[in-house]
Amino acid sequence: MVLAASEAFEKTFGLGVTFIGIGIIVGIIMLYIAVQIRGERRQNREYLASRRPPGARDGFPPES
């Protein structure tokens, strides 16, 4: 039995698989970008906290 009964079905199925594949790849790339952004923000917060003088609040110097 031939799975692809017509040329139109073959092309429709091929395009569907192609665009679903592209969507999956784009989703994986977006997830990777989101994880990278979150990690970089965490590193920035840790760096700023280590550079903050003792007693400072929210990254601002203490009041004099």
C-alpha atoms as a PDB file:
ATOM      1  CA  MET A   1       0.000   0.000   0.000  1.00  0.00           C
ATOM      2  CA  VAL A   2       1.319   3.374  -0.949  1.00  0.00           C
ATOM      3  CA  LEU A   3       1.190   5.803   1.993  1.00  0.00           C
ATOM      4  CA  ALA A   4       1.223   8.920  -0.156  1.00  0.00           C
ATOM      5  CA  ALA A   5      -1.896   8.559  -2.298  1.00  0.00           C
ATOM      6  CA  SER A   6      -1.400  11.724  -4.310  1.00  0.00           C
ATOM      7  CA  GLU A   7       1.226  14.288  -5.196  1.00  0.00           C
ATOM      8  CA  ALA A   8      -0.752  16.989  -3.384  1.00  0.00           C
ATOM      9  CA  PHE A   9      -0.705  14.958  -0.169  1.00  0.00           C
ATOM     10  CA  GLU A  10       3.050  14.382  -0.491  1.00  0.00           C
ATOM     11  CA  LYS A  11       3.747  18.094  -0.834  1.00  0.00           C
ATOM     12  CA  THR A  12       1.344  19.061   1.952  1.00  0.00           C
ATOM     13  CA  PHE A  13       2.821  16.476   4.307  1.00  0.00           C
ATOM     14  CA  GLY A  14       6.379  17.512   3.393  1.00  0.00           C
ATOM     15  CA  LEU A  15       5.656  21.175   4.049  1.00  0.00           C
ATOM     16  CA  GLY A  16       3.944  20.328   7.332  1.00  0.00           C
ATOM     17  CA  VAL A  17       6.929  18.325   8.540  1.00  0.00           C
ATOM     18  CA  THR A  18       9.314  21.076   7.413  1.00  0.00           C
ATOM     19  CA  PHE A  19       7.496  23.870   9.232  1.00  0.00           C
ATOM     20  CA  ILE A  20       6.944  21.814  12.373  1.00  0.00           C
ATOM     21  CA  GLY A  21      10.669  21.026  12.381  1.00  0.00           C
ATOM     22  CA  ILE A  22      11.548  24.685  11.951  1.00  0.00           C
ATOM     23  CA  GLY A  23       9.174  25.556  14.820  1.00  0.00           C
ATOM     24  CA  ILE A  24      10.838  23.027  17.098  1.00  0.00           C
ATOM     25  CA  ILE A  25      14.306  24.341  16.254  1.00  0.00           C
ATOM     26  CA  VAL A  26      13.229  27.952  16.850  1.00  0.00           C
ATOM     27  CA  GLY A  27      11.655  26.947  20.180  1.00  0.00           C
ATOM     28  CA  ILE A  28      14.871  25.286  21.305  1.00  0.00           C
ATOM     29  CA  ILE A  29      16.900  28.352  20.317  1.00  0.00           C
ATOM     30  CA  MET A  30      14.496  30.655  22.199  1.00  0.00           C
ATOM     31  CA  LEU A  31      14.732  28.459  25.294  1.00  0.00           C
ATOM     32  CA  TYR A  32      18.539  28.553  25.091  1.00  0.00           C
ATOM     33  CA  ILE A  33      18.467  32.363  24.814  1.00  0.00           C
ATOM     34  CA  ALA A  34      16.126  32.640  27.826  1.00  0.00           C
ATOM     35  CA  VAL A  35      18.410  30.438  29.939  1.00  0.00           C
ATOM     36  CA  GLN A  36      21.443  32.498  28.918  1.00  0.00           C
ATOM     37  CA  ILE A  37      19.693  35.779  29.797  1.00  0.00           C
ATOM     38  CA  ARG A  38      18.644  34.454  33.198  1.00  0.00           C
ATOM     39  CA  GLY A  39      22.169  33.253  33.981  1.00  0.00           C
ATOM     40  CA  GLU A  40      23.733  36.531  32.922  1.00  0.00           C
ATOM     41  CA  ARG A  41      21.307  38.543  35.051  1.00  0.00           C
ATOM     42  CA  ARG A  42      22.168  36.354  38.050  1.00  0.00           C
ATOM     43  CA  GLN A  43      25.886  36.899  37.437  1.00  0.00           C
ATOM     44  CA  ASN A  44      25.355  40.666  37.160  1.00  0.00           C
ATOM     45  CA  ARG A  45      23.438  40.748  40.461  1.00  0.00           C
ATOM     46  CA  GLU A  46      26.147  38.710  42.204  1.00  0.00           C
ATOM     47  CA  TYR A  47      28.861  40.968  40.805  1.00  0.00           C
ATOM     48  CA  LEU A  48      27.067  44.142  41.889  1.00  0.00           C
ATOM     49  CA  ALA A  49      26.435  42.688  45.349  1.00  0.00           C
ATOM     50  CA  SER A  50      30.134  41.880  45.755  1.00  0.00           C
ATOM     51  CA  ARG A  51      31.103  45.448  44.764  1.00  0.00           C
ATOM     52  CA  ARG A  52      28.547  47.090  47.074  1.00  0.00           C
ATOM     53  CA  PRO A  53      30.054  48.741  50.165  1.00  0.00           C
ATOM     54  CA  PRO A  54      28.945  47.342  53.549  1.00  0.00           C
ATOM     55  CA  GLY A  55      25.669  48.868  54.742  1.00  0.00           C
ATOM     56  CA  ALA A  56      24.577  50.008  51.278  1.00  0.00           C
ATOM     57  CA  ARG A  57      21.012  49.358  50.171  1.00  0.00           C
ATOM     58  CA  ASP A  58      19.864  48.608  46.605  1.00  0.00           C
ATOM     59  CA  GLY A  59      23.251  49.444  45.136  1.00  0.00           C
ATOM     60  CA  PHE A  60      23.270  53.011  46.422  1.00  0.00           C
ATOM     61  CA  PRO A  61      25.932  54.312  48.847  1.00  0.00           C
ATOM     62  CA  PRO A  62      24.849  54.745  52.489  1.00  0.00           C
ATOM     63  CA  GLU A  63      23.425  58.080  53.507  1.00  0.00           C
ATOM     64  CA  SER A  64      25.842  60.501  55.208  1.00  0.00           C
END
